[in-house]
Amino acid sequence: MSRDQRRHPRINIQIEVELIAPEIGAVTLQSGNLSDSGLYLCADQSMPLQIGSEVCVRLKQALGDGEAPLVKARVVRIEEQGIGLHFHEDAE
């Protein structure tokens, strides 16, 4: 899907996000943008993830009481500057 045909508008936002995956454990990355359906994380190409990898993400900064929940996502795009994630439909 081209960037002009996205279903959900993207907002550029730079926040720390914890990415958890079996291939890498838990790492903290900076977000590039966010929408209702996904998230773009800034990461270099050395990250050993593949398109289709299942991951979990969590905001590092507290937005309310307690720790932010883990959200399941799938890697849908890998670029030189980062990775695109799509949230699972059953994510809460």
N, C-alpha and C. Protein backbone atom coordinates (compact mmCIF):
# COMPACT_ATOMS: atom_id res chain seq x y z
N MET A 1 0.86 -1.18 0.00
CA MET A 1 0.00 0.00 0.00
C MET A 1 0.90 1.23 0.00
N SER A 2 0.64 2.12 -0.88
CA SER A 2 1.47 3.32 -0.93
C SER A 2 1.17 4.20 0.27
N ARG A 3 2.11 5.07 0.59
CA ARG A 3 1.94 5.94 1.76
C ARG A 3 0.73 6.85 1.61
N ASP A 4 0.33 7.16 0.36
CA ASP A 4 -0.81 8.04 0.14
C ASP A 4 -2.15 7.33 0.34
N GLN A 5 -2.13 5.99 0.40
CA GLN A 5 -3.37 5.22 0.50
C GLN A 5 -3.55 4.58 1.87
N ARG A 6 -2.84 5.02 2.86
CA ARG A 6 -2.97 4.44 4.19
C ARG A 6 -4.35 4.69 4.75
N ARG A 7 -4.85 3.71 5.50
CA ARG A 7 -6.18 3.82 6.10
C ARG A 7 -6.22 4.76 7.29
N HIS A 8 -5.11 4.83 8.01
CA HIS A 8 -5.06 5.64 9.23
C HIS A 8 -3.98 6.71 9.08
N PRO A 9 -4.31 7.94 9.44
CA PRO A 9 -3.30 8.99 9.34
C PRO A 9 -2.15 8.74 10.31
N ARG A 10 -0.95 9.10 9.90
CA ARG A 10 0.25 8.97 10.73
C ARG A 10 0.54 10.30 11.41
N ILE A 11 1.01 10.20 12.64
CA ILE A 11 1.51 11.40 13.31
C ILE A 11 2.99 11.19 13.60
N ASN A 12 3.78 12.19 13.29
CA ASN A 12 5.21 12.12 13.60
C ASN A 12 5.37 12.36 15.09
N ILE A 13 5.96 11.39 15.76
CA ILE A 13 6.16 11.49 17.20
C ILE A 13 7.42 10.73 17.58
N GLN A 14 8.24 11.34 18.39
CA GLN A 14 9.48 10.72 18.83
C GLN A 14 9.35 10.38 20.32
N ILE A 15 9.14 9.11 20.58
CA ILE A 15 9.05 8.61 21.95
C ILE A 15 9.86 7.32 22.05
N GLU A 16 10.31 7.00 23.24
CA GLU A 16 11.03 5.75 23.45
C GLU A 16 10.03 4.61 23.53
N VAL A 17 10.34 3.54 22.78
CA VAL A 17 9.49 2.35 22.73
C VAL A 17 10.35 1.14 23.02
N GLU A 18 9.86 0.25 23.87
CA GLU A 18 10.54 -1.00 24.12
C GLU A 18 10.03 -2.02 23.11
N LEU A 19 10.93 -2.62 22.36
CA LEU A 19 10.62 -3.66 21.38
C LEU A 19 11.11 -4.97 21.94
N ILE A 20 10.23 -5.97 21.99
CA ILE A 20 10.58 -7.27 22.54
C ILE A 20 10.33 -8.32 21.47
N ALA A 21 11.36 -9.11 21.17
CA ALA A 21 11.26 -10.17 20.17
C ALA A 21 12.21 -11.29 20.55
N PRO A 22 11.85 -12.54 20.24
CA PRO A 22 12.73 -13.66 20.58
C PRO A 22 14.12 -13.52 19.97
N GLU A 23 14.22 -12.94 18.77
CA GLU A 23 15.50 -12.82 18.08
C GLU A 23 16.45 -11.83 18.74
N ILE A 24 15.91 -10.85 19.47
CA ILE A 24 16.76 -9.77 20.00
C ILE A 24 16.58 -9.50 21.49
N GLY A 25 15.60 -10.12 22.13
CA GLY A 25 15.31 -9.79 23.52
C GLY A 25 14.56 -8.47 23.57
N ALA A 26 14.88 -7.64 24.55
CA ALA A 26 14.22 -6.34 24.71
C ALA A 26 15.22 -5.23 24.41
N VAL A 27 14.83 -4.32 23.51
CA VAL A 27 15.66 -3.16 23.17
C VAL A 27 14.79 -1.91 23.20
N THR A 28 15.40 -0.78 23.47
CA THR A 28 14.70 0.49 23.45
C THR A 28 15.05 1.22 22.16
N LEU A 29 14.01 1.62 21.42
CA LEU A 29 14.17 2.33 20.15
C LEU A 29 13.36 3.61 20.18
N GLN A 30 13.64 4.50 19.26
CA GLN A 30 12.91 5.76 19.10
C GLN A 30 11.85 5.57 18.02
N SER A 31 10.65 6.06 18.28
CA SER A 31 9.61 5.99 17.25
C SER A 31 9.83 7.09 16.22
N GLY A 32 9.31 6.86 15.03
CA GLY A 32 9.32 7.87 13.98
C GLY A 32 7.93 8.40 13.73
N ASN A 33 6.96 7.48 13.72
CA ASN A 33 5.56 7.89 13.60
C ASN A 33 4.66 6.80 14.16
N LEU A 34 3.38 7.15 14.31
CA LEU A 34 2.41 6.29 14.97
C LEU A 34 1.06 6.50 14.32
N SER A 35 0.29 5.41 14.21
CA SER A 35 -1.09 5.51 13.75
C SER A 35 -1.93 4.52 14.55
N ASP A 36 -3.23 4.47 14.26
CA ASP A 36 -4.11 3.52 14.94
C ASP A 36 -3.73 2.08 14.62
N SER A 37 -3.10 1.85 13.46
CA SER A 37 -2.83 0.48 13.04
C SER A 37 -1.36 0.07 13.10
N GLY A 38 -0.45 1.02 13.37
CA GLY A 38 0.94 0.63 13.39
C GLY A 38 1.88 1.68 13.91
N LEU A 39 3.17 1.36 13.79
CA LEU A 39 4.22 2.17 14.39
C LEU A 39 5.47 2.01 13.54
N TYR A 40 6.22 3.09 13.36
CA TYR A 40 7.51 3.04 12.69
C TYR A 40 8.58 3.30 13.73
N LEU A 41 9.56 2.40 13.81
CA LEU A 41 10.65 2.54 14.77
C LEU A 41 11.96 2.78 14.04
N CYS A 42 12.74 3.72 14.52
CA CYS A 42 14.05 4.01 13.95
C CYS A 42 15.02 2.94 14.45
N ALA A 43 15.66 2.24 13.50
CA ALA A 43 16.59 1.17 13.85
C ALA A 43 17.55 0.98 12.69
N ASP A 44 18.77 0.52 13.00
CA ASP A 44 19.71 0.28 11.91
C ASP A 44 19.48 -1.11 11.30
N GLN A 45 20.15 -1.37 10.21
CA GLN A 45 19.93 -2.61 9.48
C GLN A 45 20.48 -3.85 10.17
N SER A 46 21.24 -3.69 11.24
CA SER A 46 21.80 -4.84 11.92
C SER A 46 20.77 -5.58 12.79
N MET A 47 19.59 -5.02 12.93
CA MET A 47 18.56 -5.67 13.72
C MET A 47 18.12 -6.96 13.03
N PRO A 48 18.25 -8.12 13.70
CA PRO A 48 17.98 -9.40 13.06
C PRO A 48 16.50 -9.78 13.00
N LEU A 49 15.67 -8.89 12.51
CA LEU A 49 14.25 -9.18 12.35
C LEU A 49 13.95 -9.34 10.87
N GLN A 50 12.89 -10.05 10.56
CA GLN A 50 12.47 -10.25 9.18
C GLN A 50 11.02 -9.81 9.04
N ILE A 51 10.62 -9.55 7.81
CA ILE A 51 9.20 -9.27 7.56
C ILE A 51 8.41 -10.49 8.00
N GLY A 52 7.38 -10.23 8.78
CA GLY A 52 6.56 -11.32 9.34
C GLY A 52 6.91 -11.67 10.77
N SER A 53 8.05 -11.18 11.28
CA SER A 53 8.43 -11.46 12.67
C SER A 53 7.36 -10.93 13.62
N GLU A 54 7.04 -11.72 14.63
CA GLU A 54 6.10 -11.32 15.66
C GLU A 54 6.86 -10.66 16.79
N VAL A 55 6.41 -9.50 17.22
CA VAL A 55 7.08 -8.75 18.27
C VAL A 55 6.03 -8.19 19.24
N CYS A 56 6.50 -7.63 20.33
CA CYS A 56 5.66 -6.87 21.25
C CYS A 56 6.32 -5.51 21.44
N VAL A 57 5.50 -4.49 21.64
CA VAL A 57 6.01 -3.15 21.90
C VAL A 57 5.30 -2.55 23.11
N ARG A 58 6.01 -1.64 23.75
CA ARG A 58 5.45 -0.94 24.91
C ARG A 58 6.07 0.44 24.98
N LEU A 59 5.27 1.46 25.24
CA LEU A 59 5.80 2.81 25.46
C LEU A 59 6.63 2.80 26.73
N LYS A 60 7.80 3.44 26.67
CA LYS A 60 8.67 3.49 27.83
C LYS A 60 8.23 4.57 28.82
N GLN A 61 7.68 5.68 28.32
CA GLN A 61 7.22 6.75 29.19
C GLN A 61 5.81 6.41 29.69
N ALA A 62 5.60 6.57 30.97
CA ALA A 62 4.28 6.34 31.53
C ALA A 62 3.33 7.45 31.11
N LEU A 63 2.17 7.08 30.62
CA LEU A 63 1.17 8.06 30.23
C LEU A 63 0.05 8.16 31.25
N GLY A 64 0.06 7.31 32.21
CA GLY A 64 -0.96 7.30 33.25
C GLY A 64 -0.40 6.53 34.44
N ASP A 65 -1.28 5.82 35.11
CA ASP A 65 -0.86 5.03 36.26
C ASP A 65 -0.22 3.73 35.80
N GLY A 66 0.94 3.42 36.35
CA GLY A 66 1.59 2.15 36.08
C GLY A 66 2.27 2.06 34.74
N GLU A 67 2.69 0.85 34.43
CA GLU A 67 3.43 0.58 33.20
C GLU A 67 2.47 0.42 32.02
N ALA A 68 2.88 0.87 30.85
CA ALA A 68 2.07 0.74 29.64
C ALA A 68 1.95 -0.74 29.29
N PRO A 69 0.82 -1.14 28.69
CA PRO A 69 0.64 -2.55 28.33
C PRO A 69 1.51 -2.94 27.13
N LEU A 70 1.80 -4.23 27.02
CA LEU A 70 2.46 -4.77 25.85
C LEU A 70 1.44 -4.88 24.72
N VAL A 71 1.84 -4.52 23.52
CA VAL A 71 0.97 -4.61 22.35
C VAL A 71 1.66 -5.52 21.33
N LYS A 72 0.93 -6.51 20.84
CA LYS A 72 1.47 -7.43 19.85
C LYS A 72 1.46 -6.76 18.48
N ALA A 73 2.54 -7.01 17.71
CA ALA A 73 2.66 -6.42 16.38
C ALA A 73 3.44 -7.37 15.48
N ARG A 74 3.41 -7.08 14.18
CA ARG A 74 4.12 -7.87 13.18
C ARG A 74 4.96 -6.92 12.34
N VAL A 75 6.18 -7.32 12.01
CA VAL A 75 7.05 -6.52 11.15
C VAL A 75 6.51 -6.60 9.73
N VAL A 76 6.20 -5.44 9.14
CA VAL A 76 5.66 -5.40 7.77
C VAL A 76 6.58 -4.69 6.79
N ARG A 77 7.57 -3.99 7.31
CA ARG A 77 8.48 -3.25 6.43
C ARG A 77 9.83 -3.11 7.12
N ILE A 78 10.90 -3.31 6.36
CA ILE A 78 12.25 -3.09 6.86
C ILE A 78 12.94 -2.16 5.88
N GLU A 79 13.44 -1.06 6.41
CA GLU A 79 14.12 -0.06 5.59
C GLU A 79 15.48 0.23 6.20
N GLU A 80 16.28 0.98 5.49
CA GLU A 80 17.62 1.33 5.98
C GLU A 80 17.57 2.06 7.31
N GLN A 81 16.56 2.93 7.50
CA GLN A 81 16.49 3.75 8.72
C GLN A 81 15.59 3.16 9.80
N GLY A 82 14.83 2.09 9.51
CA GLY A 82 13.95 1.58 10.55
C GLY A 82 13.04 0.46 10.10
N ILE A 83 12.08 0.15 10.97
CA ILE A 83 11.14 -0.94 10.70
C ILE A 83 9.70 -0.47 10.90
N GLY A 84 8.81 -0.97 10.07
CA GLY A 84 7.40 -0.68 10.18
C GLY A 84 6.68 -1.85 10.82
N LEU A 85 5.84 -1.56 11.79
CA LEU A 85 5.09 -2.58 12.51
C LEU A 85 3.59 -2.37 12.30
N HIS A 86 2.85 -3.47 12.22
CA HIS A 86 1.40 -3.42 12.15
C HIS A 86 0.87 -4.08 13.41
N PHE A 87 0.01 -3.37 14.14
CA PHE A 87 -0.56 -3.92 15.36
C PHE A 87 -1.51 -5.06 15.02
N HIS A 88 -1.52 -6.09 15.86
CA HIS A 88 -2.45 -7.19 15.68
C HIS A 88 -3.88 -6.69 15.90
N GLU A 89 -4.79 -7.27 15.16
CA GLU A 89 -6.20 -6.87 15.28
C GLU A 89 -6.74 -7.11 16.70
N ASP A 90 -6.22 -8.14 17.38
CA ASP A 90 -6.71 -8.45 18.72
C ASP A 90 -5.97 -7.67 19.81
N ALA A 91 -5.15 -6.70 19.41
CA ALA A 91 -4.41 -5.91 20.40
C ALA A 91 -5.39 -5.08 21.22
N GLU A 92 -5.10 -4.97 22.50
CA GLU A 92 -5.97 -4.19 23.38
C GLU A 92 -5.28 -2.92 23.78
